[in-house]
N, C-alpha and C. Protein backbone atom coordinates (compact mmCIF):
# COMPACT_ATOMS: atom_id res chain seq x y z
N LYS A 1 0.37 -9.96 6.95
CA LYS A 1 1.16 -9.80 5.74
C LYS A 1 1.14 -8.33 5.27
N LEU A 2 -0.03 -7.70 5.29
CA LEU A 2 -0.14 -6.32 4.86
C LEU A 2 0.66 -5.40 5.79
N ASP A 3 0.62 -5.67 7.09
CA ASP A 3 1.40 -4.87 8.03
C ASP A 3 2.90 -4.96 7.73
N GLU A 4 3.37 -6.13 7.32
CA GLU A 4 4.78 -6.30 6.96
C GLU A 4 5.14 -5.43 5.76
N ILE A 5 4.24 -5.36 4.78
CA ILE A 5 4.48 -4.53 3.59
C ILE A 5 4.60 -3.07 4.00
N TYR A 6 3.66 -2.59 4.82
CA TYR A 6 3.72 -1.19 5.26
C TYR A 6 4.96 -0.92 6.11
N ASP A 7 5.37 -1.87 6.93
CA ASP A 7 6.59 -1.70 7.71
C ASP A 7 7.80 -1.52 6.80
N LYS A 8 7.86 -2.30 5.72
CA LYS A 8 8.98 -2.18 4.78
C LYS A 8 8.94 -0.85 4.04
N ILE A 9 7.74 -0.41 3.66
CA ILE A 9 7.60 0.90 3.01
C ILE A 9 8.07 1.99 3.95
N ASN A 10 7.66 1.94 5.21
CA ASN A 10 8.03 2.95 6.20
C ASN A 10 9.53 2.98 6.45
N GLU A 11 10.19 1.84 6.37
CA GLU A 11 11.64 1.79 6.55
C GLU A 11 12.36 2.62 5.48
N VAL A 12 11.82 2.61 4.27
CA VAL A 12 12.47 3.29 3.15
C VAL A 12 12.02 4.73 3.01
N SER A 13 10.72 4.96 3.10
CA SER A 13 10.21 6.30 2.76
C SER A 13 9.62 7.06 3.93
N GLY A 14 9.56 6.48 5.09
CA GLY A 14 8.96 7.16 6.22
C GLY A 14 7.46 6.91 6.28
N ILE A 15 6.87 7.28 7.39
CA ILE A 15 5.45 7.04 7.60
C ILE A 15 4.64 8.06 6.80
N PHE A 16 3.63 7.57 6.09
CA PHE A 16 2.74 8.45 5.34
C PHE A 16 1.74 9.06 6.32
N THR A 17 1.90 10.34 6.63
CA THR A 17 1.02 10.97 7.61
C THR A 17 -0.03 11.85 6.96
N ASP A 18 0.09 12.15 5.68
CA ASP A 18 -0.83 13.05 5.00
C ASP A 18 -1.85 12.26 4.18
N VAL A 19 -2.46 11.26 4.80
CA VAL A 19 -3.45 10.45 4.11
C VAL A 19 -4.66 10.22 5.01
N GLU A 20 -5.80 10.04 4.38
CA GLU A 20 -7.02 9.74 5.13
C GLU A 20 -7.18 8.25 5.34
N GLY A 21 -6.50 7.46 4.57
CA GLY A 21 -6.57 6.01 4.66
C GLY A 21 -5.59 5.42 3.67
N THR A 22 -5.48 4.14 3.68
CA THR A 22 -4.56 3.49 2.75
C THR A 22 -5.24 2.30 2.11
N GLY A 23 -4.78 1.94 0.96
CA GLY A 23 -5.29 0.78 0.26
C GLY A 23 -4.35 0.40 -0.85
N LEU A 24 -4.41 -0.83 -1.26
CA LEU A 24 -3.61 -1.31 -2.36
C LEU A 24 -4.56 -1.70 -3.49
N TYR A 25 -4.40 -1.05 -4.63
CA TYR A 25 -5.26 -1.29 -5.78
C TYR A 25 -4.39 -1.72 -6.95
N GLU A 26 -4.64 -2.91 -7.46
CA GLU A 26 -3.78 -3.48 -8.50
C GLU A 26 -3.72 -2.61 -9.75
N LEU A 27 -4.86 -2.18 -10.28
CA LEU A 27 -4.84 -1.40 -11.52
C LEU A 27 -4.25 -0.01 -11.31
N GLN A 28 -4.59 0.65 -10.21
CA GLN A 28 -4.04 1.98 -9.95
C GLN A 28 -2.52 1.91 -9.82
N SER A 29 -2.02 0.85 -9.25
CA SER A 29 -0.57 0.74 -9.03
C SER A 29 0.20 0.67 -10.34
N LYS A 30 -0.48 0.43 -11.45
CA LYS A 30 0.18 0.36 -12.75
C LYS A 30 0.21 1.70 -13.46
N LEU A 31 -0.40 2.73 -12.86
CA LEU A 31 -0.43 4.05 -13.48
C LEU A 31 0.77 4.86 -13.02
N ASN A 32 1.48 5.43 -13.95
CA ASN A 32 2.64 6.26 -13.63
C ASN A 32 2.21 7.68 -13.28
N HIS A 33 3.15 8.41 -12.73
CA HIS A 33 2.94 9.80 -12.32
C HIS A 33 3.23 10.76 -13.46
N SER A 34 2.49 11.86 -13.47
CA SER A 34 2.81 13.01 -14.30
C SER A 34 2.38 14.26 -13.54
N CYS A 35 3.14 15.34 -13.65
CA CYS A 35 2.75 16.61 -13.06
C CYS A 35 1.68 17.29 -13.93
N HIS A 36 1.40 16.69 -15.07
CA HIS A 36 0.36 17.16 -15.99
C HIS A 36 -0.49 15.94 -16.35
N PRO A 37 -1.22 15.38 -15.35
CA PRO A 37 -1.91 14.10 -15.54
C PRO A 37 -3.12 14.21 -16.47
N ASN A 38 -3.49 13.07 -17.05
CA ASN A 38 -4.71 13.03 -17.84
C ASN A 38 -5.80 12.20 -17.16
N LEU A 39 -5.49 11.64 -16.00
CA LEU A 39 -6.45 10.88 -15.22
C LEU A 39 -6.50 11.40 -13.79
N GLN A 40 -7.63 11.14 -13.14
CA GLN A 40 -7.77 11.49 -11.72
C GLN A 40 -8.39 10.31 -11.01
N ILE A 41 -7.87 10.00 -9.84
CA ILE A 41 -8.41 8.92 -9.01
C ILE A 41 -9.53 9.48 -8.16
N GLU A 42 -10.62 8.74 -8.11
CA GLU A 42 -11.75 9.13 -7.26
C GLU A 42 -12.22 7.89 -6.51
N TYR A 43 -12.77 8.11 -5.34
CA TYR A 43 -13.34 7.02 -4.56
C TYR A 43 -14.84 7.23 -4.50
N LEU A 44 -15.59 6.18 -4.82
CA LEU A 44 -17.04 6.28 -4.81
C LEU A 44 -17.51 6.51 -3.38
N SER A 45 -18.44 7.41 -3.22
CA SER A 45 -18.92 7.83 -1.90
C SER A 45 -19.37 6.65 -1.04
N GLY A 46 -18.79 6.61 0.15
CA GLY A 46 -19.18 5.60 1.12
C GLY A 46 -18.68 4.20 0.84
N THR A 47 -17.78 4.05 -0.13
CA THR A 47 -17.26 2.72 -0.44
C THR A 47 -15.74 2.78 -0.52
N ASP A 48 -15.15 1.63 -0.70
CA ASP A 48 -13.70 1.58 -0.92
C ASP A 48 -13.38 1.33 -2.38
N GLU A 49 -14.39 1.54 -3.26
CA GLU A 49 -14.18 1.35 -4.69
C GLU A 49 -13.47 2.54 -5.30
N LEU A 50 -12.47 2.23 -6.08
CA LEU A 50 -11.67 3.25 -6.74
C LEU A 50 -12.16 3.42 -8.17
N SER A 51 -12.23 4.66 -8.61
CA SER A 51 -12.63 4.97 -9.98
C SER A 51 -11.55 5.84 -10.61
N VAL A 52 -11.30 5.63 -11.88
CA VAL A 52 -10.33 6.44 -12.62
C VAL A 52 -11.09 7.21 -13.68
N ARG A 53 -10.92 8.54 -13.69
CA ARG A 53 -11.67 9.40 -14.60
C ARG A 53 -10.69 10.24 -15.41
N THR A 54 -10.97 10.40 -16.70
CA THR A 54 -10.13 11.28 -17.52
C THR A 54 -10.44 12.73 -17.17
N ILE A 55 -9.40 13.56 -17.14
CA ILE A 55 -9.58 14.98 -16.83
C ILE A 55 -9.14 15.86 -18.01
N LYS A 56 -8.71 15.21 -19.08
CA LYS A 56 -8.41 15.91 -20.33
C LYS A 56 -8.46 14.88 -21.45
N ASP A 57 -8.54 15.37 -22.66
CA ASP A 57 -8.58 14.47 -23.81
C ASP A 57 -7.32 13.61 -23.85
N VAL A 58 -7.49 12.34 -24.20
CA VAL A 58 -6.38 11.40 -24.30
C VAL A 58 -6.30 10.91 -25.74
N LYS A 59 -5.14 11.10 -26.32
CA LYS A 59 -4.92 10.66 -27.70
C LYS A 59 -4.64 9.16 -27.73
N GLU A 60 -4.97 8.53 -28.83
CA GLU A 60 -4.69 7.11 -28.99
C GLU A 60 -3.19 6.87 -28.83
N GLY A 61 -2.84 5.90 -27.99
CA GLY A 61 -1.44 5.56 -27.76
C GLY A 61 -0.77 6.38 -26.66
N GLU A 62 -1.44 7.42 -26.16
CA GLU A 62 -0.87 8.27 -25.11
C GLU A 62 -0.89 7.51 -23.78
N GLU A 63 0.18 7.66 -23.01
CA GLU A 63 0.25 7.01 -21.70
C GLU A 63 -0.78 7.62 -20.77
N LEU A 64 -1.45 6.76 -20.00
CA LEU A 64 -2.41 7.21 -18.99
C LEU A 64 -1.65 7.45 -17.69
N CYS A 65 -1.78 8.67 -17.14
CA CYS A 65 -1.02 9.03 -15.94
C CYS A 65 -1.91 9.71 -14.91
N ILE A 66 -1.59 9.46 -13.66
CA ILE A 66 -2.19 10.17 -12.54
C ILE A 66 -1.10 11.02 -11.91
N SER A 67 -1.49 11.88 -10.99
CA SER A 67 -0.48 12.63 -10.25
C SER A 67 -0.37 12.05 -8.85
N TYR A 68 0.85 11.89 -8.38
CA TYR A 68 1.08 11.45 -7.01
C TYR A 68 1.04 12.64 -6.06
N LEU A 69 0.88 13.83 -6.60
CA LEU A 69 0.90 15.06 -5.82
C LEU A 69 -0.52 15.56 -5.54
N SER A 70 -0.66 16.35 -4.48
CA SER A 70 -1.94 17.00 -4.20
C SER A 70 -2.14 18.15 -5.17
N CYS A 71 -3.35 18.68 -5.23
CA CYS A 71 -3.65 19.82 -6.11
C CYS A 71 -2.72 20.99 -5.80
N CYS A 72 -2.49 21.26 -4.53
CA CYS A 72 -1.61 22.37 -4.13
C CYS A 72 -0.18 22.12 -4.59
N GLN A 73 0.29 20.90 -4.46
CA GLN A 73 1.65 20.58 -4.88
C GLN A 73 1.82 20.69 -6.39
N LEU A 74 0.77 20.38 -7.13
CA LEU A 74 0.85 20.49 -8.60
C LEU A 74 1.07 21.93 -9.03
N ASP A 75 0.61 22.88 -8.23
CA ASP A 75 0.79 24.30 -8.55
C ASP A 75 2.14 24.85 -8.11
N SER A 76 2.93 24.05 -7.43
CA SER A 76 4.23 24.52 -6.94
C SER A 76 5.28 24.48 -8.05
N SER A 77 6.45 24.97 -7.76
CA SER A 77 7.52 25.03 -8.75
C SER A 77 8.00 23.63 -9.14
N ARG A 78 8.62 23.55 -10.30
CA ARG A 78 9.19 22.29 -10.76
C ARG A 78 10.17 21.74 -9.72
N HIS A 79 11.01 22.61 -9.18
CA HIS A 79 11.99 22.20 -8.17
C HIS A 79 11.28 21.59 -6.96
N SER A 80 10.23 22.24 -6.46
CA SER A 80 9.51 21.73 -5.29
C SER A 80 8.82 20.40 -5.57
N ARG A 81 8.20 20.28 -6.74
CA ARG A 81 7.53 19.03 -7.10
C ARG A 81 8.54 17.89 -7.19
N ARG A 82 9.64 18.14 -7.88
CA ARG A 82 10.64 17.08 -8.06
C ARG A 82 11.30 16.70 -6.74
N LYS A 83 11.52 17.68 -5.89
CA LYS A 83 12.11 17.42 -4.57
C LYS A 83 11.18 16.53 -3.75
N PHE A 84 9.88 16.87 -3.73
CA PHE A 84 8.91 16.07 -2.98
C PHE A 84 8.84 14.64 -3.52
N LEU A 85 8.78 14.50 -4.83
CA LEU A 85 8.70 13.16 -5.42
C LEU A 85 9.94 12.33 -5.14
N LEU A 86 11.10 12.96 -5.19
CA LEU A 86 12.35 12.25 -4.90
C LEU A 86 12.38 11.80 -3.44
N GLU A 87 12.00 12.69 -2.53
CA GLU A 87 12.04 12.37 -1.10
C GLU A 87 10.97 11.36 -0.68
N ASN A 88 9.81 11.40 -1.32
CA ASN A 88 8.70 10.56 -0.89
C ASN A 88 8.41 9.36 -1.77
N TYR A 89 8.79 9.42 -3.03
CA TYR A 89 8.52 8.32 -3.95
C TYR A 89 9.78 7.77 -4.60
N MET A 90 10.91 8.37 -4.30
CA MET A 90 12.23 7.89 -4.71
C MET A 90 12.43 7.84 -6.22
N PHE A 91 11.95 8.86 -6.94
CA PHE A 91 12.26 8.98 -8.37
C PHE A 91 12.33 10.44 -8.75
N GLU A 92 13.11 10.72 -9.79
CA GLU A 92 13.20 12.07 -10.34
C GLU A 92 12.20 12.19 -11.48
N CYS A 93 11.28 13.10 -11.34
CA CYS A 93 10.22 13.24 -12.33
C CYS A 93 10.78 13.76 -13.65
N SER A 94 10.40 13.09 -14.71
CA SER A 94 10.79 13.53 -16.05
C SER A 94 9.56 13.59 -16.95
N CYS A 95 8.42 13.93 -16.35
CA CYS A 95 7.18 14.05 -17.12
C CYS A 95 7.30 15.21 -18.11
N SER A 96 6.32 15.34 -18.99
CA SER A 96 6.39 16.37 -20.03
C SER A 96 6.47 17.77 -19.44
N LEU A 97 5.78 18.03 -18.34
CA LEU A 97 5.83 19.36 -17.73
C LEU A 97 7.20 19.65 -17.13
N CYS A 98 7.77 18.71 -16.42
CA CYS A 98 9.11 18.89 -15.85
C CYS A 98 10.16 18.94 -16.94
N HIS A 99 10.00 18.13 -17.96
CA HIS A 99 10.97 18.12 -19.06
C HIS A 99 10.99 19.46 -19.81
N LEU A 100 9.81 20.05 -20.01
CA LEU A 100 9.73 21.36 -20.67
C LEU A 100 10.54 22.40 -19.92
N ARG A 101 10.48 22.34 -18.61
CA ARG A 101 11.18 23.34 -17.80
C ARG A 101 12.65 23.02 -17.65
N LEU A 102 13.06 21.81 -18.00
CA LEU A 102 14.47 21.45 -17.93
C LEU A 102 15.24 21.94 -19.14
N THR A 103 14.53 22.11 -20.26
CA THR A 103 15.22 22.49 -21.50
C THR A 103 15.23 23.99 -21.70
């Protein structure tokens, strides 16, 4: 069943070659992307357990977001980030950082 899911993903977005492994995590899958994230995903050493850690202060009611981009990609231009996200994740980023640069 899992292989079928990955086959369908590959049909739409291509094979993910820039990963060390893959996994499906229910709670992580509910976190949206931001180019200015307030959370970071970490994996506990030697396990497949996923941990979510805040990397900046989060105000009450603020959306919790991770970045779908690598650290290097986060430092790239708005155009490059949005192009990568559109090609690989099929959405146009409208996070606060991208929105600031659009106006």
